[in-house]
N, C-alpha and C. Protein backbone atom coordinates (compact mmCIF):
# COMPACT_ATOMS: atom_id res chain seq x y z
N MET A 1 -47.27 -8.03 -79.33
CA MET A 1 -46.04 -8.75 -79.60
C MET A 1 -45.42 -8.24 -80.90
N ILE A 2 -44.11 -8.04 -80.90
CA ILE A 2 -43.38 -7.58 -82.09
C ILE A 2 -43.32 -8.74 -83.09
N THR A 3 -43.70 -8.47 -84.32
CA THR A 3 -43.72 -9.53 -85.32
C THR A 3 -42.51 -9.51 -86.25
N THR A 4 -41.79 -8.38 -86.34
CA THR A 4 -40.58 -8.31 -87.16
C THR A 4 -39.50 -7.53 -86.42
N LYS A 5 -38.27 -7.89 -86.70
CA LYS A 5 -37.11 -7.19 -86.15
C LYS A 5 -36.03 -7.16 -87.21
N THR A 6 -35.01 -6.34 -86.99
CA THR A 6 -33.87 -6.27 -87.90
C THR A 6 -32.66 -6.94 -87.25
N PRO A 7 -31.68 -7.35 -88.05
CA PRO A 7 -30.49 -7.97 -87.47
C PRO A 7 -29.77 -7.09 -86.45
N LYS A 8 -29.74 -5.77 -86.70
CA LYS A 8 -29.00 -4.90 -85.77
C LYS A 8 -29.59 -4.92 -84.36
N GLU A 9 -30.87 -5.28 -84.24
CA GLU A 9 -31.48 -5.35 -82.91
C GLU A 9 -30.95 -6.52 -82.09
N SER A 10 -30.35 -7.50 -82.76
CA SER A 10 -29.79 -8.65 -82.05
C SER A 10 -28.27 -8.56 -81.88
N LEU A 11 -27.65 -7.55 -82.47
CA LEU A 11 -26.20 -7.45 -82.45
C LEU A 11 -25.64 -7.56 -81.04
N THR A 12 -24.69 -8.46 -80.90
CA THR A 12 -24.02 -8.68 -79.62
C THR A 12 -22.52 -8.64 -79.87
N ILE A 13 -21.81 -7.84 -79.08
CA ILE A 13 -20.37 -7.70 -79.23
C ILE A 13 -19.71 -8.01 -77.88
N LEU A 14 -18.85 -9.01 -77.89
CA LEU A 14 -18.09 -9.39 -76.69
C LEU A 14 -16.61 -9.16 -76.98
N THR A 15 -15.95 -8.38 -76.15
CA THR A 15 -14.52 -8.12 -76.32
C THR A 15 -13.80 -8.56 -75.06
N ASP A 16 -12.69 -9.28 -75.26
CA ASP A 16 -11.95 -9.82 -74.13
C ASP A 16 -10.50 -10.03 -74.54
N MET A 17 -9.65 -10.23 -73.55
CA MET A 17 -8.23 -10.49 -73.80
C MET A 17 -7.95 -11.98 -73.64
N VAL A 18 -7.04 -12.51 -74.43
CA VAL A 18 -6.65 -13.91 -74.33
C VAL A 18 -5.62 -14.04 -73.21
N LEU A 19 -5.95 -14.82 -72.20
CA LEU A 19 -5.09 -15.01 -71.03
C LEU A 19 -4.30 -16.32 -71.16
N PRO A 20 -3.17 -16.43 -70.46
CA PRO A 20 -2.32 -17.63 -70.58
C PRO A 20 -3.06 -18.95 -70.29
N ALA A 21 -3.97 -18.97 -69.35
CA ALA A 21 -4.68 -20.21 -68.99
C ALA A 21 -5.64 -20.66 -70.09
N GLU A 22 -5.89 -19.82 -71.09
CA GLU A 22 -6.82 -20.13 -72.18
C GLU A 22 -6.10 -20.56 -73.46
N THR A 23 -4.79 -20.81 -73.34
CA THR A 23 -4.00 -21.10 -74.54
C THR A 23 -3.43 -22.51 -74.54
N ASN A 24 -3.02 -22.93 -75.75
CA ASN A 24 -2.41 -24.25 -75.93
C ASN A 24 -0.89 -24.16 -75.77
N ALA A 25 -0.19 -25.23 -76.11
CA ALA A 25 1.27 -25.28 -75.96
C ALA A 25 2.00 -24.28 -76.86
N LEU A 26 1.31 -23.77 -77.89
CA LEU A 26 1.91 -22.77 -78.78
C LEU A 26 1.54 -21.35 -78.36
N ASP A 27 0.92 -21.21 -77.19
CA ASP A 27 0.48 -19.92 -76.66
C ASP A 27 -0.57 -19.24 -77.54
N ASN A 28 -1.40 -20.06 -78.19
CA ASN A 28 -2.54 -19.56 -78.96
C ASN A 28 -3.84 -19.99 -78.28
N LEU A 29 -4.86 -19.19 -78.45
CA LEU A 29 -6.16 -19.46 -77.84
C LEU A 29 -6.66 -20.84 -78.23
N PHE A 30 -7.11 -21.62 -77.25
CA PHE A 30 -7.73 -22.92 -77.51
C PHE A 30 -8.94 -22.72 -78.41
N GLY A 31 -9.11 -23.58 -79.40
CA GLY A 31 -10.28 -23.53 -80.26
C GLY A 31 -11.57 -23.67 -79.47
N GLY A 32 -11.58 -24.55 -78.49
CA GLY A 32 -12.78 -24.76 -77.66
C GLY A 32 -13.15 -23.52 -76.86
N GLU A 33 -12.15 -22.79 -76.41
CA GLU A 33 -12.40 -21.54 -75.68
C GLU A 33 -13.06 -20.52 -76.59
N LEU A 34 -12.56 -20.44 -77.82
CA LEU A 34 -13.14 -19.50 -78.77
C LEU A 34 -14.57 -19.91 -79.13
N LEU A 35 -14.80 -21.23 -79.30
CA LEU A 35 -16.16 -21.71 -79.58
C LEU A 35 -17.12 -21.35 -78.45
N ALA A 36 -16.67 -21.45 -77.21
CA ALA A 36 -17.52 -21.10 -76.07
C ALA A 36 -17.88 -19.61 -76.09
N ARG A 37 -16.91 -18.77 -76.43
CA ARG A 37 -17.20 -17.33 -76.52
C ARG A 37 -18.20 -17.06 -77.65
N MET A 38 -18.02 -17.75 -78.76
CA MET A 38 -18.93 -17.59 -79.90
C MET A 38 -20.34 -18.06 -79.52
N ASP A 39 -20.43 -19.16 -78.79
CA ASP A 39 -21.72 -19.69 -78.36
C ASP A 39 -22.43 -18.72 -77.42
N ARG A 40 -21.69 -18.12 -76.50
CA ARG A 40 -22.30 -17.15 -75.58
C ARG A 40 -22.82 -15.93 -76.32
N ALA A 41 -22.02 -15.39 -77.24
CA ALA A 41 -22.45 -14.22 -78.00
C ALA A 41 -23.68 -14.56 -78.85
N SER A 42 -23.66 -15.74 -79.48
CA SER A 42 -24.80 -16.16 -80.30
C SER A 42 -26.05 -16.33 -79.47
N SER A 43 -25.88 -16.87 -78.28
CA SER A 43 -27.01 -17.08 -77.38
C SER A 43 -27.66 -15.75 -77.01
N ILE A 44 -26.84 -14.76 -76.72
CA ILE A 44 -27.38 -13.44 -76.37
C ILE A 44 -28.09 -12.83 -77.56
N ALA A 45 -27.52 -12.96 -78.76
CA ALA A 45 -28.16 -12.43 -79.97
C ALA A 45 -29.52 -13.08 -80.19
N ALA A 46 -29.59 -14.40 -80.04
CA ALA A 46 -30.85 -15.12 -80.22
C ALA A 46 -31.87 -14.71 -79.16
N GLN A 47 -31.41 -14.52 -77.95
CA GLN A 47 -32.31 -14.10 -76.86
C GLN A 47 -32.82 -12.68 -77.10
N ARG A 48 -31.96 -11.81 -77.60
CA ARG A 48 -32.39 -10.44 -77.90
C ARG A 48 -33.46 -10.43 -78.99
N HIS A 49 -33.32 -11.32 -79.96
CA HIS A 49 -34.31 -11.36 -81.04
C HIS A 49 -35.64 -11.94 -80.55
N SER A 50 -35.56 -13.05 -79.84
CA SER A 50 -36.78 -13.78 -79.48
C SER A 50 -37.40 -13.35 -78.16
N ARG A 51 -36.58 -12.76 -77.27
CA ARG A 51 -37.03 -12.42 -75.91
C ARG A 51 -37.53 -13.66 -75.17
N ARG A 52 -36.91 -14.78 -75.45
CA ARG A 52 -37.27 -16.06 -74.84
C ARG A 52 -36.01 -16.78 -74.38
N ILE A 53 -36.20 -17.89 -73.68
CA ILE A 53 -35.10 -18.79 -73.36
C ILE A 53 -34.65 -19.39 -74.69
N VAL A 54 -33.35 -19.52 -74.91
CA VAL A 54 -32.86 -20.12 -76.15
C VAL A 54 -31.87 -21.23 -75.83
N VAL A 55 -31.86 -22.22 -76.71
CA VAL A 55 -30.93 -23.34 -76.56
C VAL A 55 -30.18 -23.54 -77.87
N THR A 56 -28.92 -23.94 -77.77
CA THR A 56 -28.13 -24.20 -78.96
C THR A 56 -28.64 -25.47 -79.63
N ALA A 57 -29.02 -25.36 -80.89
CA ALA A 57 -29.47 -26.52 -81.64
C ALA A 57 -28.32 -27.13 -82.43
N SER A 58 -27.45 -26.27 -82.99
CA SER A 58 -26.32 -26.80 -83.74
C SER A 58 -25.27 -25.72 -83.97
N VAL A 59 -24.06 -26.19 -84.16
CA VAL A 59 -22.98 -25.35 -84.65
C VAL A 59 -22.79 -25.82 -86.09
N ASN A 60 -23.23 -25.00 -87.02
CA ASN A 60 -23.33 -25.43 -88.40
C ASN A 60 -22.03 -25.28 -89.18
N HIS A 61 -21.22 -24.33 -88.78
CA HIS A 61 -20.04 -24.03 -89.59
C HIS A 61 -19.07 -23.24 -88.72
N VAL A 62 -17.81 -23.61 -88.75
CA VAL A 62 -16.78 -22.85 -88.05
C VAL A 62 -15.53 -22.86 -88.91
N VAL A 63 -14.90 -21.70 -89.03
CA VAL A 63 -13.65 -21.58 -89.77
C VAL A 63 -12.62 -20.93 -88.85
N PHE A 64 -11.52 -21.63 -88.60
CA PHE A 64 -10.41 -21.06 -87.86
C PHE A 64 -9.39 -20.60 -88.89
N SER A 65 -9.39 -19.30 -89.19
CA SER A 65 -8.52 -18.79 -90.25
C SER A 65 -7.13 -18.41 -89.76
N LYS A 66 -7.04 -17.98 -88.52
CA LYS A 66 -5.76 -17.48 -88.02
C LYS A 66 -5.66 -17.74 -86.53
N ALA A 67 -4.46 -18.12 -86.07
CA ALA A 67 -4.23 -18.34 -84.64
C ALA A 67 -4.35 -17.02 -83.89
N VAL A 68 -4.80 -17.12 -82.65
CA VAL A 68 -4.98 -15.93 -81.81
C VAL A 68 -4.03 -16.06 -80.62
N PRO A 69 -2.91 -15.31 -80.62
CA PRO A 69 -1.91 -15.46 -79.57
C PRO A 69 -2.31 -14.87 -78.22
N VAL A 70 -1.69 -15.39 -77.18
CA VAL A 70 -1.91 -14.90 -75.83
C VAL A 70 -1.69 -13.38 -75.80
N GLY A 71 -2.51 -12.70 -75.04
CA GLY A 71 -2.41 -11.25 -74.93
C GLY A 71 -3.22 -10.50 -75.97
N SER A 72 -3.74 -11.19 -76.97
CA SER A 72 -4.53 -10.54 -78.02
C SER A 72 -5.88 -10.08 -77.48
N VAL A 73 -6.37 -9.01 -78.07
CA VAL A 73 -7.73 -8.56 -77.80
C VAL A 73 -8.61 -9.17 -78.88
N VAL A 74 -9.63 -9.90 -78.46
CA VAL A 74 -10.52 -10.61 -79.38
C VAL A 74 -11.93 -10.05 -79.24
N THR A 75 -12.56 -9.76 -80.37
CA THR A 75 -13.94 -9.28 -80.38
C THR A 75 -14.80 -10.26 -81.15
N VAL A 76 -15.86 -10.72 -80.51
CA VAL A 76 -16.81 -11.64 -81.11
C VAL A 76 -18.08 -10.84 -81.40
N GLU A 77 -18.49 -10.83 -82.67
CA GLU A 77 -19.70 -10.10 -83.07
C GLU A 77 -20.71 -11.11 -83.61
N ALA A 78 -21.88 -11.14 -82.99
CA ALA A 78 -22.92 -12.08 -83.40
C ALA A 78 -24.21 -11.34 -83.67
N LYS A 79 -24.91 -11.75 -84.74
CA LYS A 79 -26.25 -11.22 -84.98
C LYS A 79 -27.02 -12.18 -85.87
N LEU A 80 -28.32 -12.11 -85.76
CA LEU A 80 -29.18 -13.01 -86.53
C LEU A 80 -28.97 -12.81 -88.02
N SER A 81 -28.96 -13.94 -88.73
CA SER A 81 -28.95 -13.88 -90.18
C SER A 81 -30.31 -14.29 -90.73
N ARG A 82 -31.08 -15.10 -89.96
CA ARG A 82 -32.43 -15.45 -90.38
C ARG A 82 -33.20 -16.05 -89.20
N ALA A 83 -34.49 -15.80 -89.18
CA ALA A 83 -35.38 -16.42 -88.20
C ALA A 83 -36.36 -17.29 -88.95
N PHE A 84 -36.56 -18.49 -88.46
CA PHE A 84 -37.53 -19.41 -89.06
C PHE A 84 -38.73 -19.45 -88.11
N SER A 85 -39.34 -20.57 -87.92
CA SER A 85 -40.52 -20.64 -87.05
C SER A 85 -40.12 -20.43 -85.58
N SER A 86 -39.31 -21.35 -85.07
CA SER A 86 -38.81 -21.21 -83.70
C SER A 86 -37.29 -21.18 -83.65
N SER A 87 -36.66 -21.48 -84.78
CA SER A 87 -35.19 -21.49 -84.81
C SER A 87 -34.65 -20.21 -85.42
N MET A 88 -33.42 -19.91 -85.07
CA MET A 88 -32.75 -18.71 -85.53
C MET A 88 -31.32 -19.05 -85.91
N GLU A 89 -30.89 -18.58 -87.07
CA GLU A 89 -29.50 -18.75 -87.48
C GLU A 89 -28.75 -17.48 -87.09
N ILE A 90 -27.62 -17.66 -86.43
CA ILE A 90 -26.80 -16.53 -86.00
C ILE A 90 -25.44 -16.65 -86.67
N PHE A 91 -25.01 -15.58 -87.31
CA PHE A 91 -23.70 -15.53 -87.94
C PHE A 91 -22.75 -14.84 -86.97
N VAL A 92 -21.58 -15.41 -86.79
CA VAL A 92 -20.60 -14.88 -85.83
C VAL A 92 -19.30 -14.56 -86.57
N ASP A 93 -18.82 -13.34 -86.37
CA ASP A 93 -17.52 -12.93 -86.90
C ASP A 93 -16.60 -12.67 -85.72
N VAL A 94 -15.36 -13.16 -85.81
CA VAL A 94 -14.38 -12.98 -84.74
C VAL A 94 -13.21 -12.17 -85.27
N TRP A 95 -12.87 -11.13 -84.52
CA TRP A 95 -11.82 -10.20 -84.91
C TRP A 95 -10.72 -10.17 -83.85
N MET A 96 -9.49 -10.01 -84.31
CA MET A 96 -8.35 -9.83 -83.41
C MET A 96 -7.78 -8.44 -83.65
N GLU A 97 -7.46 -7.76 -82.58
CA GLU A 97 -6.93 -6.40 -82.68
C GLU A 97 -5.43 -6.42 -82.47
N ASP A 98 -4.70 -5.82 -83.39
CA ASP A 98 -3.25 -5.69 -83.26
C ASP A 98 -2.94 -4.74 -82.11
N ARG A 99 -2.04 -5.17 -81.24
CA ARG A 99 -1.72 -4.35 -80.05
C ARG A 99 -1.17 -2.98 -80.40
N GLU A 100 -0.34 -2.90 -81.41
CA GLU A 100 0.32 -1.64 -81.72
C GLU A 100 -0.49 -0.75 -82.66
N SER A 101 -0.96 -1.32 -83.76
CA SER A 101 -1.66 -0.50 -84.75
C SER A 101 -3.16 -0.40 -84.48
N GLN A 102 -3.67 -1.29 -83.65
CA GLN A 102 -5.11 -1.41 -83.36
C GLN A 102 -5.91 -1.81 -84.60
N GLU A 103 -5.23 -2.27 -85.63
CA GLU A 103 -5.91 -2.76 -86.84
C GLU A 103 -6.60 -4.09 -86.50
N ARG A 104 -7.84 -4.24 -87.01
CA ARG A 104 -8.61 -5.46 -86.76
C ARG A 104 -8.47 -6.41 -87.94
N THR A 105 -8.26 -7.70 -87.61
CA THR A 105 -8.16 -8.75 -88.61
C THR A 105 -9.21 -9.80 -88.28
N LYS A 106 -9.97 -10.23 -89.30
CA LYS A 106 -10.94 -11.29 -89.07
C LYS A 106 -10.19 -12.61 -88.96
N VAL A 107 -10.39 -13.32 -87.85
CA VAL A 107 -9.65 -14.55 -87.59
C VAL A 107 -10.53 -15.79 -87.58
N ASN A 108 -11.84 -15.60 -87.52
CA ASN A 108 -12.73 -16.75 -87.41
C ASN A 108 -14.14 -16.32 -87.78
N GLU A 109 -14.94 -17.30 -88.18
CA GLU A 109 -16.37 -17.06 -88.35
C GLU A 109 -17.10 -18.35 -88.08
N GLY A 110 -18.35 -18.23 -87.75
CA GLY A 110 -19.15 -19.41 -87.48
C GLY A 110 -20.62 -19.13 -87.67
N ILE A 111 -21.38 -20.20 -87.79
CA ILE A 111 -22.83 -20.09 -87.92
C ILE A 111 -23.44 -21.04 -86.90
N TYR A 112 -24.26 -20.49 -86.03
CA TYR A 112 -24.92 -21.26 -84.98
C TYR A 112 -26.43 -21.23 -85.21
N THR A 113 -27.11 -22.27 -84.74
CA THR A 113 -28.57 -22.28 -84.77
C THR A 113 -29.08 -22.44 -83.34
N PHE A 114 -30.00 -21.57 -82.97
CA PHE A 114 -30.64 -21.62 -81.66
C PHE A 114 -32.13 -21.80 -81.84
N VAL A 115 -32.77 -22.38 -80.84
CA VAL A 115 -34.22 -22.53 -80.82
C VAL A 115 -34.75 -21.82 -79.59
N ALA A 116 -35.81 -21.03 -79.78
CA ALA A 116 -36.48 -20.37 -78.66
C ALA A 116 -37.46 -21.36 -78.04
N VAL A 117 -37.46 -21.43 -76.72
CA VAL A 117 -38.34 -22.37 -76.02
C VAL A 117 -39.03 -21.68 -74.84
N ASP A 118 -40.11 -22.31 -74.38
CA ASP A 118 -40.77 -21.81 -73.18
C ASP A 118 -40.13 -22.50 -71.97
N ARG A 119 -40.66 -22.29 -70.78
CA ARG A 119 -40.07 -22.83 -69.55
C ARG A 119 -40.12 -24.36 -69.47
N THR A 120 -40.94 -24.99 -70.31
CA THR A 120 -41.00 -26.45 -70.33
C THR A 120 -40.10 -27.04 -71.40
N GLY A 121 -39.44 -26.17 -72.18
CA GLY A 121 -38.56 -26.64 -73.24
C GLY A 121 -39.25 -26.84 -74.58
N THR A 122 -40.50 -26.42 -74.67
CA THR A 122 -41.26 -26.53 -75.92
C THR A 122 -40.92 -25.36 -76.84
N PRO A 123 -40.58 -25.64 -78.11
CA PRO A 123 -40.26 -24.54 -79.04
C PRO A 123 -41.43 -23.56 -79.18
N VAL A 124 -41.07 -22.28 -79.30
CA VAL A 124 -42.07 -21.21 -79.46
C VAL A 124 -41.69 -20.37 -80.68
N LYS A 125 -42.68 -19.73 -81.26
CA LYS A 125 -42.46 -18.90 -82.45
C LYS A 125 -41.61 -17.68 -82.10
N VAL A 126 -40.85 -17.23 -83.11
CA VAL A 126 -40.00 -16.05 -82.95
C VAL A 126 -40.40 -15.02 -84.00
N PRO A 127 -40.07 -13.74 -83.75
CA PRO A 127 -40.37 -12.70 -84.75
C PRO A 127 -39.62 -12.96 -86.06
N LYS A 128 -40.19 -12.51 -87.15
CA LYS A 128 -39.53 -12.58 -88.46
C LYS A 128 -38.36 -11.60 -88.47
N LEU A 129 -37.41 -11.84 -89.36
CA LEU A 129 -36.24 -10.99 -89.48
C LEU A 129 -36.27 -10.28 -90.83
N ILE A 130 -36.04 -8.98 -90.82
CA ILE A 130 -35.99 -8.19 -92.05
C ILE A 130 -34.56 -7.66 -92.21
N PRO A 131 -33.79 -8.27 -93.14
CA PRO A 131 -32.41 -7.80 -93.35
C PRO A 131 -32.40 -6.42 -94.00
N GLU A 132 -31.38 -5.63 -93.67
CA GLU A 132 -31.30 -4.26 -94.20
C GLU A 132 -30.09 -4.05 -95.11
N THR A 133 -28.91 -4.45 -94.68
CA THR A 133 -27.70 -4.20 -95.47
C THR A 133 -27.52 -5.30 -96.52
N GLU A 134 -26.62 -5.06 -97.46
CA GLU A 134 -26.35 -6.07 -98.50
C GLU A 134 -25.81 -7.36 -97.88
N LEU A 135 -24.89 -7.25 -96.91
CA LEU A 135 -24.35 -8.43 -96.25
C LEU A 135 -25.46 -9.19 -95.51
N GLU A 136 -26.33 -8.46 -94.82
CA GLU A 136 -27.45 -9.10 -94.11
C GLU A 136 -28.37 -9.82 -95.09
N LYS A 137 -28.62 -9.22 -96.24
CA LYS A 137 -29.48 -9.85 -97.25
C LYS A 137 -28.82 -11.10 -97.83
N GLU A 138 -27.52 -11.04 -98.05
CA GLU A 138 -26.78 -12.19 -98.56
C GLU A 138 -26.82 -13.35 -97.57
N ARG A 139 -26.57 -13.04 -96.29
CA ARG A 139 -26.60 -14.08 -95.26
C ARG A 139 -28.01 -14.62 -95.06
N TYR A 140 -29.01 -13.76 -95.14
CA TYR A 140 -30.41 -14.16 -95.01
C TYR A 140 -30.78 -15.14 -96.13
N ASP A 141 -30.45 -14.81 -97.36
CA ASP A 141 -30.76 -15.67 -98.50
C ASP A 141 -30.06 -17.02 -98.38
N GLY A 142 -28.82 -17.03 -97.94
CA GLY A 142 -28.07 -18.28 -97.80
C GLY A 142 -28.55 -19.16 -96.66
N ALA A 143 -29.21 -18.57 -95.69
CA ALA A 143 -29.63 -19.32 -94.50
C ALA A 143 -30.60 -20.45 -94.84
N LEU A 144 -31.52 -20.22 -95.76
CA LEU A 144 -32.48 -21.27 -96.11
C LEU A 144 -31.76 -22.44 -96.81
N ARG A 145 -30.79 -22.13 -97.65
CA ARG A 145 -30.00 -23.20 -98.29
C ARG A 145 -29.22 -23.98 -97.24
N ARG A 146 -28.61 -23.26 -96.29
CA ARG A 146 -27.85 -23.94 -95.24
C ARG A 146 -28.76 -24.83 -94.39
N LYS A 147 -29.96 -24.34 -94.10
CA LYS A 147 -30.90 -25.12 -93.29
C LYS A 147 -31.33 -26.38 -94.05
N GLN A 148 -31.65 -26.22 -95.32
CA GLN A 148 -32.07 -27.38 -96.11
C GLN A 148 -30.93 -28.40 -96.23
N LEU A 149 -29.71 -27.93 -96.42
CA LEU A 149 -28.57 -28.85 -96.52
C LEU A 149 -28.41 -29.63 -95.21
N SER A 150 -28.52 -28.94 -94.10
CA SER A 150 -28.41 -29.58 -92.79
C SER A 150 -29.49 -30.64 -92.60
N LEU A 151 -30.72 -30.30 -93.00
CA LEU A 151 -31.83 -31.24 -92.87
C LEU A 151 -31.65 -32.46 -93.78
N VAL A 152 -31.15 -32.24 -94.99
CA VAL A 152 -30.91 -33.36 -95.90
C VAL A 152 -29.82 -34.26 -95.33
N LEU A 153 -28.71 -33.67 -94.88
CA LEU A 153 -27.60 -34.47 -94.35
C LEU A 153 -27.98 -35.25 -93.10
N SER A 154 -28.90 -34.70 -92.30
CA SER A 154 -29.33 -35.40 -91.08
C SER A 154 -30.45 -36.40 -91.34
N GLY A 155 -30.92 -36.48 -92.59
CA GLY A 155 -31.99 -37.41 -92.93
C GLY A 155 -33.38 -36.92 -92.57
N LYS A 156 -33.49 -35.64 -92.19
CA LYS A 156 -34.79 -35.08 -91.79
C LYS A 156 -35.54 -34.47 -92.96
N MET A 157 -34.89 -34.39 -94.14
CA MET A 157 -35.54 -33.85 -95.33
C MET A 157 -35.12 -34.68 -96.53
N ASN A 158 -36.08 -34.99 -97.37
CA ASN A 158 -35.80 -35.68 -98.62
C ASN A 158 -35.10 -34.70 -99.56
N PRO A 159 -34.00 -35.11 -100.20
CA PRO A 159 -33.29 -34.20 -101.11
C PRO A 159 -34.19 -33.60 -102.20
N HIS A 160 -35.21 -34.34 -102.62
CA HIS A 160 -36.12 -33.83 -103.65
C HIS A 160 -36.95 -32.66 -103.14
N ASP A 161 -37.08 -32.52 -101.82
CA ASP A 161 -37.86 -31.43 -101.24
C ASP A 161 -37.02 -30.19 -100.95
N ALA A 162 -35.72 -30.29 -101.15
CA ALA A 162 -34.81 -29.18 -100.85
C ALA A 162 -34.80 -28.21 -102.04
N THR A 163 -35.85 -27.43 -102.15
CA THR A 163 -36.04 -26.56 -103.31
C THR A 163 -34.93 -25.54 -103.48
N GLU A 164 -34.46 -24.96 -102.40
CA GLU A 164 -33.40 -23.94 -102.50
C GLU A 164 -32.08 -24.55 -102.94
N LEU A 165 -31.80 -25.77 -102.51
CA LEU A 165 -30.58 -26.45 -102.95
C LEU A 165 -30.67 -26.81 -104.42
N LYS A 166 -31.83 -27.25 -104.86
CA LYS A 166 -32.01 -27.62 -106.27
C LYS A 166 -31.78 -26.40 -107.18
N LYS A 167 -32.17 -25.24 -106.72
CA LYS A 167 -31.99 -24.01 -107.52
C LYS A 167 -30.52 -23.76 -107.83
N LEU A 168 -29.64 -24.17 -106.93
CA LEU A 168 -28.21 -23.98 -107.16
C LEU A 168 -27.72 -24.73 -108.39
N PHE A 169 -28.40 -25.83 -108.72
CA PHE A 169 -27.95 -26.68 -109.81
C PHE A 169 -28.80 -26.55 -111.07
N THR A 170 -29.93 -25.87 -110.98
CA THR A 170 -30.81 -25.78 -112.13
C THR A 170 -30.90 -24.38 -112.74
N ASP A 171 -30.46 -23.37 -112.03
CA ASP A 171 -30.52 -21.99 -112.57
C ASP A 171 -29.39 -21.71 -113.51
């Protein structure tokens, strides 16, 4: 069994065009449609890392920075930012391509958490993640703080036990 992997091994890229049936009254992509695309890409990235069945545990963060008009080409890029015991944090970047210049603009980002499970739905261990690039290292380091914050807010962790969060205020 593989015990470590890199983020690039989970990289998932989905590219598609925004069709009229996927837009709101302003002819921009529905936010829910974009979230579904992000969830699918994240799911594939988590499955590539764990080689197991994966389930969405949470959508931790989403930023809608720019509207995506009908006819736009949208690319969703997802890859692991950190692996814990059975859970995996996946960072998702969404890009829109200009029709004429083909210049890419980042229009959205999100952070999803997936859990690897067996056929009975019981969580299973996943390989460790070894970040390589500076961005991967930055996202990897931030993942533990994000996880602790989520656990504190949900009441599953005592704030006094959130060591990584405390470091933000004591260093």
